[in-house]
N, C-alpha and C. Protein backbone atom coordinates (compact mmCIF):
# COMPACT_ATOMS: atom_id res chain seq x y z
N MET A 1 -71.80 43.77 -175.59
CA MET A 1 -70.96 43.00 -173.93
C MET A 1 -69.76 44.18 -174.66
N SER A 2 -69.31 44.96 -173.14
CA SER A 2 -68.66 44.95 -173.18
C SER A 2 -67.68 44.42 -172.36
N GLN A 3 -66.64 44.63 -172.80
CA GLN A 3 -64.79 43.76 -173.12
C GLN A 3 -64.83 43.57 -171.31
N THR A 4 -64.37 44.60 -170.64
CA THR A 4 -64.32 44.40 -169.45
C THR A 4 -64.71 44.04 -167.99
N ASP A 5 -66.59 44.55 -167.83
CA ASP A 5 -67.13 44.18 -166.93
C ASP A 5 -68.15 43.37 -167.77
N ASN A 6 -68.40 42.89 -168.99
CA ASN A 6 -69.71 42.02 -169.32
C ASN A 6 -71.16 42.63 -169.27
N LEU A 7 -71.07 44.13 -168.87
CA LEU A 7 -72.14 44.87 -168.50
C LEU A 7 -72.83 45.09 -170.34
N PRO A 8 -74.49 44.85 -170.51
CA PRO A 8 -74.74 45.11 -171.77
C PRO A 8 -74.93 46.45 -172.13
N ARG A 9 -73.98 46.61 -173.17
CA ARG A 9 -74.18 48.42 -174.18
C ARG A 9 -74.06 48.32 -175.50
N CYS A 10 -74.03 49.88 -175.79
CA CYS A 10 -73.95 49.53 -176.73
C CYS A 10 -72.60 49.80 -177.25
N ARG A 11 -72.71 49.20 -178.96
CA ARG A 11 -71.25 48.55 -179.56
C ARG A 11 -70.66 49.91 -179.48
N TRP A 12 -71.30 51.24 -180.03
CA TRP A 12 -70.49 52.62 -179.78
C TRP A 12 -70.08 52.76 -178.57
N CYS A 13 -69.79 52.10 -177.40
CA CYS A 13 -69.30 52.15 -176.03
C CYS A 13 -67.71 51.90 -176.03
N ASP A 14 -67.52 50.77 -177.00
CA ASP A 14 -66.27 50.46 -177.07
C ASP A 14 -65.20 51.29 -177.65
N GLY A 15 -65.72 52.94 -178.09
CA GLY A 15 -64.97 53.70 -179.12
C GLY A 15 -64.17 54.69 -178.47
N ALA A 16 -64.10 54.48 -177.02
CA ALA A 16 -63.39 55.49 -176.13
C ALA A 16 -63.85 55.19 -175.11
N PRO A 17 -62.56 55.70 -174.15
CA PRO A 17 -62.47 55.74 -172.78
C PRO A 17 -63.77 56.06 -171.75
N GLU A 18 -64.34 56.99 -171.98
CA GLU A 18 -65.54 57.80 -171.69
C GLU A 18 -66.67 57.82 -171.81
N PHE A 19 -66.66 56.96 -172.92
CA PHE A 19 -68.24 56.27 -173.64
C PHE A 19 -68.90 55.54 -172.83
N PRO A 20 -68.79 54.49 -171.95
CA PRO A 20 -68.73 53.68 -170.92
C PRO A 20 -70.00 54.20 -169.66
N ALA A 21 -69.19 55.06 -169.28
CA ALA A 21 -69.50 55.89 -167.88
C ALA A 21 -70.98 56.64 -168.52
N TYR A 22 -70.31 57.45 -169.77
CA TYR A 22 -71.41 58.32 -170.12
C TYR A 22 -72.67 57.26 -170.20
N HIS A 23 -72.59 56.36 -171.45
CA HIS A 23 -73.53 55.27 -171.68
C HIS A 23 -74.40 55.15 -170.27
N ASP A 24 -73.24 54.57 -168.96
CA ASP A 24 -73.79 53.98 -167.97
C ASP A 24 -75.06 55.23 -167.21
N THR A 25 -74.52 56.43 -167.08
CA THR A 25 -75.06 57.20 -166.62
C THR A 25 -76.22 58.34 -167.36
N GLU A 26 -75.90 58.94 -168.09
CA GLU A 26 -76.43 59.23 -168.94
C GLU A 26 -76.73 59.34 -170.30
N TRP A 27 -76.61 58.29 -171.44
CA TRP A 27 -76.98 58.62 -172.37
C TRP A 27 -78.59 57.77 -172.45
N GLY A 28 -79.60 58.11 -172.79
CA GLY A 28 -80.67 57.23 -172.96
C GLY A 28 -81.54 58.11 -171.81
N PHE A 29 -80.76 58.73 -170.56
CA PHE A 29 -81.96 58.86 -169.18
C PHE A 29 -82.56 59.78 -169.88
N PRO A 30 -84.06 60.38 -169.26
CA PRO A 30 -84.68 61.56 -169.00
C PRO A 30 -83.86 62.82 -168.40
N VAL A 31 -84.08 64.08 -168.57
CA VAL A 31 -83.60 65.34 -167.92
C VAL A 31 -84.53 65.89 -167.85
N ALA A 32 -85.00 66.64 -166.28
CA ALA A 32 -85.92 67.21 -166.26
C ALA A 32 -85.14 68.25 -165.64
N ASP A 33 -84.04 68.13 -165.05
CA ASP A 33 -83.58 69.59 -164.36
C ASP A 33 -83.12 70.31 -164.72
N ASP A 34 -83.32 71.94 -165.26
CA ASP A 34 -83.10 72.98 -166.32
C ASP A 34 -81.35 73.06 -166.27
N GLN A 35 -80.96 72.85 -165.65
CA GLN A 35 -79.58 72.69 -165.35
C GLN A 35 -78.88 72.06 -166.36
N ARG A 36 -79.27 70.68 -166.13
CA ARG A 36 -78.89 69.48 -166.96
C ARG A 36 -79.10 69.68 -168.55
N LEU A 37 -80.73 70.20 -168.36
CA LEU A 37 -80.71 70.38 -169.83
C LEU A 37 -79.99 71.32 -170.37
N PHE A 38 -79.89 72.17 -169.90
CA PHE A 38 -78.54 73.63 -170.38
C PHE A 38 -77.51 72.79 -170.86
N GLU A 39 -76.81 72.03 -170.33
CA GLU A 39 -75.84 71.52 -170.36
C GLU A 39 -75.53 70.85 -171.76
N LYS A 40 -76.90 69.54 -171.13
CA LYS A 40 -76.94 69.01 -173.02
C LYS A 40 -77.11 69.37 -173.93
N VAL A 41 -78.11 70.83 -174.23
CA VAL A 41 -78.54 71.94 -175.54
C VAL A 41 -77.05 72.46 -175.82
N CYS A 42 -76.36 72.79 -174.92
CA CYS A 42 -74.95 73.38 -175.57
C CYS A 42 -74.00 72.44 -175.57
N LEU A 43 -73.58 71.19 -175.24
CA LEU A 43 -72.79 70.02 -175.46
C LEU A 43 -73.23 69.92 -176.68
N GLU A 44 -74.75 69.41 -177.00
CA GLU A 44 -74.73 68.68 -178.18
C GLU A 44 -74.31 70.39 -179.77
N ALA A 45 -74.95 71.18 -179.35
CA ALA A 45 -75.06 72.14 -180.41
C ALA A 45 -73.50 72.36 -180.78
N PHE A 46 -72.54 72.34 -180.15
CA PHE A 46 -71.19 72.34 -179.68
C PHE A 46 -70.56 70.83 -180.60
N GLN A 47 -71.71 69.77 -180.19
CA GLN A 47 -71.07 68.92 -180.88
C GLN A 47 -70.93 68.70 -182.75
N SER A 48 -72.09 69.59 -183.13
CA SER A 48 -71.86 69.58 -184.82
C SER A 48 -70.58 69.87 -184.87
N GLY A 49 -70.44 68.63 -186.20
CA GLY A 49 -68.78 68.95 -186.81
C GLY A 49 -67.56 68.47 -186.20
N LEU A 50 -68.27 67.84 -184.54
CA LEU A 50 -66.91 67.65 -183.86
C LEU A 50 -67.28 66.06 -183.48
N SER A 51 -66.84 65.48 -183.09
CA SER A 51 -67.14 64.13 -182.62
C SER A 51 -67.58 64.11 -181.15
N TRP A 52 -68.17 63.13 -180.30
CA TRP A 52 -69.08 63.19 -179.18
C TRP A 52 -67.93 63.16 -178.35
N ARG A 53 -66.35 62.52 -178.75
CA ARG A 53 -65.40 62.03 -177.58
C ARG A 53 -65.13 63.29 -177.38
N THR A 54 -64.53 64.12 -178.58
CA THR A 54 -64.24 65.77 -178.14
C THR A 54 -64.93 66.54 -177.66
N ILE A 55 -66.41 66.85 -177.27
CA ILE A 55 -67.12 67.45 -176.85
C ILE A 55 -66.83 66.48 -175.31
N LEU A 56 -67.13 65.46 -174.69
CA LEU A 56 -66.91 64.73 -173.32
C LEU A 56 -65.51 65.34 -173.02
N SER A 57 -64.39 65.16 -173.65
CA SER A 57 -63.08 65.24 -173.06
C SER A 57 -62.81 66.82 -172.96
N LYS A 58 -64.02 67.72 -173.47
CA LYS A 58 -63.76 69.07 -172.93
C LYS A 58 -65.10 69.84 -172.03
N ARG A 59 -65.39 68.73 -171.94
CA ARG A 59 -66.73 69.05 -170.96
C ARG A 59 -66.77 70.10 -169.72
N GLU A 60 -65.76 69.86 -169.09
CA GLU A 60 -65.53 70.41 -167.67
C GLU A 60 -64.96 72.22 -168.40
N HIS A 61 -63.94 72.78 -169.48
CA HIS A 61 -63.93 73.89 -170.36
C HIS A 61 -65.37 74.25 -170.49
N PHE A 62 -66.42 73.74 -171.12
CA PHE A 62 -67.27 74.06 -171.59
C PHE A 62 -68.60 74.45 -169.93
N ARG A 63 -67.59 73.72 -169.02
CA ARG A 63 -68.85 73.62 -167.91
C ARG A 63 -67.97 75.01 -167.03
N ARG A 64 -66.91 75.44 -167.22
CA ARG A 64 -66.40 76.95 -166.89
C ARG A 64 -66.49 78.25 -167.37
N ALA A 65 -67.08 77.81 -168.69
CA ALA A 65 -67.42 78.93 -169.70
C ALA A 65 -69.00 79.18 -169.25
N PHE A 66 -69.76 78.27 -169.45
CA PHE A 66 -71.02 78.58 -168.93
C PHE A 66 -71.35 78.50 -168.17
N LEU A 67 -70.65 78.93 -166.82
CA LEU A 67 -70.57 79.11 -165.78
C LEU A 67 -71.48 78.24 -164.87
N GLY A 68 -71.32 76.73 -165.07
CA GLY A 68 -71.42 75.68 -164.51
C GLY A 68 -72.73 75.08 -165.29
N PHE A 69 -73.39 75.81 -166.08
CA PHE A 69 -74.32 75.40 -167.24
C PHE A 69 -75.75 76.01 -166.67
N ASP A 70 -75.28 76.90 -165.74
CA ASP A 70 -76.25 77.95 -164.55
C ASP A 70 -77.24 78.37 -165.69
N VAL A 71 -78.13 78.61 -166.19
CA VAL A 71 -79.05 79.75 -166.86
C VAL A 71 -78.86 80.93 -166.69
N ASP A 72 -79.44 81.30 -165.32
CA ASP A 72 -79.37 82.53 -164.95
C ASP A 72 -78.25 83.33 -165.23
N PRO A 73 -76.96 83.03 -164.91
CA PRO A 73 -75.71 83.66 -164.61
C PRO A 73 -75.35 83.73 -166.20
N ALA A 74 -75.17 82.53 -166.98
CA ALA A 74 -74.88 82.45 -168.46
C ALA A 74 -75.63 83.32 -168.94
N ARG A 75 -77.10 83.54 -169.01
CA ARG A 75 -77.95 84.20 -169.66
C ARG A 75 -77.40 85.61 -170.00
N GLN A 76 -76.74 86.27 -168.30
CA GLN A 76 -76.54 87.57 -168.39
C GLN A 76 -75.45 87.87 -169.16
N GLN A 77 -74.38 86.94 -168.90
CA GLN A 77 -72.81 87.47 -169.78
C GLN A 77 -73.47 88.53 -171.17
N GLU A 78 -72.31 88.83 -171.57
CA GLU A 78 -72.35 89.69 -172.61
C GLU A 78 -71.61 89.10 -173.55
N ARG A 79 -71.81 89.27 -174.82
CA ARG A 79 -71.40 88.82 -176.15
C ARG A 79 -69.95 88.82 -175.78
N GLY A 80 -68.81 88.23 -175.86
CA GLY A 80 -67.34 88.26 -175.57
C GLY A 80 -67.19 88.11 -174.60
N GLN A 81 -68.20 87.60 -173.73
CA GLN A 81 -67.72 87.25 -171.89
C GLN A 81 -67.37 85.81 -171.81
N LEU A 82 -67.74 85.03 -172.73
CA LEU A 82 -67.63 83.47 -172.67
C LEU A 82 -66.24 83.29 -172.55
N VAL A 83 -65.49 82.71 -171.70
CA VAL A 83 -64.31 82.17 -171.40
C VAL A 83 -63.86 81.39 -172.63
């Protein structure tokens, strides 16, 4: 249980202030939208070796670099164009 609102959550949610919202709205929810799936794949790939808290805190930077996680424009970028 969360310390602040008594909602049932996994214990890892107490690890960072970003985690409860992520847990409640994204973690464990199926993704059918291509753009959201592309975002999840990109974030998971960059997470390798980093903490998930770091990735979540940099999410807006990734969103800008990958053109809003829109697959078509991101796919058309040339090597070295990623911001």
